[in-house]
Amino acid sequence: MTQTKLRFCRLCDIIDSIPGDISEHADRLYSLLDEDERASEALIKERLSVCDKCEKNLNGTCLECGCYCIIRSFAVSRHCPIRKW
């Protein structure tokens, strides 16, 4: 039997500092990115569409790397940890 290694969100250690609604936190992080590093709304939607169908997505958290899918999708230089986008 193959054992799957699960990764969990690195932010869990500081969960008290994250708002209950992750979208508020995500909006703040997006605004902190340099303009040339921000992905367009269309690119973010395209990336999240792929994540929505991915078997490694658990309620918006990537089980491959432990990141929130929405936050990883914001930066143009970032990529899916399993190269789906």
C-alpha atoms as a PDB file:
ATOM      1  CA  MET A   1       0.000   0.000   0.000  1.00  0.00           C
ATOM      2  CA  THR A   2       1.393   3.369  -1.035  1.00  0.00           C
ATOM      3  CA  GLN A   3       1.266   5.985   1.657  1.00  0.00           C
ATOM      4  CA  THR A   4       0.417   9.529   0.590  1.00  0.00           C
ATOM      5  CA  LYS A   5       2.260  12.341   2.321  1.00  0.00           C
ATOM      6  CA  LEU A   6      -0.112  15.175   3.106  1.00  0.00           C
ATOM      7  CA  ARG A   7       1.062  18.724   3.613  1.00  0.00           C
ATOM      8  CA  PHE A   8      -0.853  21.282   5.550  1.00  0.00           C
ATOM      9  CA  CYS A   9      -1.052  25.026   5.288  1.00  0.00           C
ATOM     10  CA  ARG A  10       2.031  26.745   6.662  1.00  0.00           C
ATOM     11  CA  LEU A  11      -0.205  29.518   7.911  1.00  0.00           C
ATOM     12  CA  CYS A  12      -1.881  27.237  10.438  1.00  0.00           C
ATOM     13  CA  ASP A  13       0.736  28.184  13.027  1.00  0.00           C
ATOM     14  CA  ILE A  14      -0.408  31.790  12.798  1.00  0.00           C
ATOM     15  CA  ILE A  15      -4.102  31.123  12.235  1.00  0.00           C
ATOM     16  CA  ASP A  16      -5.132  33.631  14.916  1.00  0.00           C
ATOM     17  CA  SER A  17      -3.780  36.480  12.787  1.00  0.00           C
ATOM     18  CA  ILE A  18      -5.816  35.457   9.736  1.00  0.00           C
ATOM     19  CA  PRO A  19      -9.344  36.831   9.397  1.00  0.00           C
ATOM     20  CA  GLY A  20     -12.193  34.338   9.525  1.00  0.00           C
ATOM     21  CA  ASP A  21     -12.897  35.088   5.876  1.00  0.00           C
ATOM     22  CA  ILE A  22      -9.784  34.166   3.887  1.00  0.00           C
ATOM     23  CA  SER A  23     -10.924  36.395   1.021  1.00  0.00           C
ATOM     24  CA  GLU A  24     -10.271  39.502   3.138  1.00  0.00           C
ATOM     25  CA  HIS A  25      -6.758  38.244   3.864  1.00  0.00           C
ATOM     26  CA  ALA A  26      -6.232  37.323   0.205  1.00  0.00           C
ATOM     27  CA  ASP A  27      -7.334  40.778  -0.983  1.00  0.00           C
ATOM     28  CA  ARG A  28      -4.831  42.392   1.379  1.00  0.00           C
ATOM     29  CA  LEU A  29      -2.002  40.145   0.171  1.00  0.00           C
ATOM     30  CA  TYR A  30      -2.878  40.833  -3.475  1.00  0.00           C
ATOM     31  CA  SER A  31      -2.696  44.566  -2.867  1.00  0.00           C
ATOM     32  CA  LEU A  32       0.788  44.178  -1.364  1.00  0.00           C
ATOM     33  CA  LEU A  33       2.209  42.594  -4.539  1.00  0.00           C
ATOM     34  CA  ASP A  34       4.122  44.829  -6.928  1.00  0.00           C
ATOM     35  CA  GLU A  35       1.868  45.726  -9.859  1.00  0.00           C
ATOM     36  CA  ASP A  36       4.051  43.897 -12.372  1.00  0.00           C
ATOM     37  CA  GLU A  37       3.858  40.744 -10.230  1.00  0.00           C
ATOM     38  CA  ARG A  38       0.037  40.729  -9.959  1.00  0.00           C
ATOM     39  CA  ALA A  39      -1.810  38.229 -12.122  1.00  0.00           C
ATOM     40  CA  SER A  40      -4.777  39.567 -14.058  1.00  0.00           C
ATOM     41  CA  GLU A  41      -8.284  38.728 -12.913  1.00  0.00           C
ATOM     42  CA  ALA A  42      -8.677  36.496 -15.979  1.00  0.00           C
ATOM     43  CA  LEU A  43      -5.471  34.578 -15.185  1.00  0.00           C
ATOM     44  CA  ILE A  44      -6.501  34.114 -11.561  1.00  0.00           C
ATOM     45  CA  LYS A  45      -9.912  32.779 -12.625  1.00  0.00           C
ATOM     46  CA  GLU A  46      -8.276  30.431 -15.130  1.00  0.00           C
ATOM     47  CA  ARG A  47      -5.861  29.086 -12.509  1.00  0.00           C
ATOM     48  CA  LEU A  48      -8.565  28.638  -9.875  1.00  0.00           C
ATOM     49  CA  SER A  49     -10.740  26.809 -12.397  1.00  0.00           C
ATOM     50  CA  VAL A  50      -7.940  24.253 -12.738  1.00  0.00           C
ATOM     51  CA  CYS A  51      -7.539  24.063  -8.963  1.00  0.00           C
ATOM     52  CA  ASP A  52     -11.288  23.533  -8.489  1.00  0.00           C
ATOM     53  CA  LYS A  53     -11.068  20.314 -10.511  1.00  0.00           C
ATOM     54  CA  CYS A  54      -7.830  19.086  -8.921  1.00  0.00           C
ATOM     55  CA  GLU A  55      -7.756  16.026  -6.680  1.00  0.00           C
ATOM     56  CA  LYS A  56      -5.151  17.769  -4.481  1.00  0.00           C
ATOM     57  CA  ASN A  57      -7.536  20.638  -3.622  1.00  0.00           C
ATOM     58  CA  LEU A  58      -9.215  20.355  -0.239  1.00  0.00           C
ATOM     59  CA  ASN A  59     -11.566  23.266   0.369  1.00  0.00           C
ATOM     60  CA  GLY A  60      -9.208  25.734  -1.290  1.00  0.00           C
ATOM     61  CA  THR A  61      -6.015  24.391   0.287  1.00  0.00           C
ATOM     62  CA  CYS A  62      -3.515  22.589  -1.913  1.00  0.00           C
ATOM     63  CA  LEU A  63      -2.575  19.275  -0.333  1.00  0.00           C
ATOM     64  CA  GLU A  64       0.574  19.136  -2.463  1.00  0.00           C
ATOM     65  CA  CYS A  65       2.211  22.275  -1.063  1.00  0.00           C
ATOM     66  CA  GLY A  66      -0.046  23.453   1.753  1.00  0.00           C
ATOM     67  CA  CYS A  67      -0.825  26.852   0.223  1.00  0.00           C
ATOM     68  CA  TYR A  68      -4.195  28.461  -0.245  1.00  0.00           C
ATOM     69  CA  CYS A  69      -4.966  28.062  -3.948  1.00  0.00           C
ATOM     70  CA  ILE A  70      -6.273  31.599  -4.289  1.00  0.00           C
ATOM     71  CA  ILE A  71      -3.143  33.156  -2.802  1.00  0.00           C
ATOM     72  CA  ARG A  72      -0.781  31.089  -4.958  1.00  0.00           C
ATOM     73  CA  SER A  73      -2.742  32.123  -8.056  1.00  0.00           C
ATOM     74  CA  PHE A  74      -2.122  35.861  -7.491  1.00  0.00           C
ATOM     75  CA  ALA A  75       1.508  36.159  -8.565  1.00  0.00           C
ATOM     76  CA  VAL A  76       2.399  35.772 -12.227  1.00  0.00           C
ATOM     77  CA  SER A  77       5.720  34.164 -11.289  1.00  0.00           C
ATOM     78  CA  ARG A  78       4.109  31.421  -9.196  1.00  0.00           C
ATOM     79  CA  HIS A  79       3.020  28.079 -10.586  1.00  0.00           C
ATOM     80  CA  CYS A  80       1.069  25.028  -9.547  1.00  0.00           C
ATOM     81  CA  PRO A  81       3.293  22.678  -7.533  1.00  0.00           C
ATOM     82  CA  ILE A  82       2.269  19.785  -9.822  1.00  0.00           C
ATOM     83  CA  ARG A  83       2.512  21.916 -12.985  1.00  0.00           C
ATOM     84  CA  LYS A  84      -1.177  22.033 -13.881  1.00  0.00           C
ATOM     85  CA  TRP A  85      -0.796  25.768 -14.570  1.00  0.00           C
END
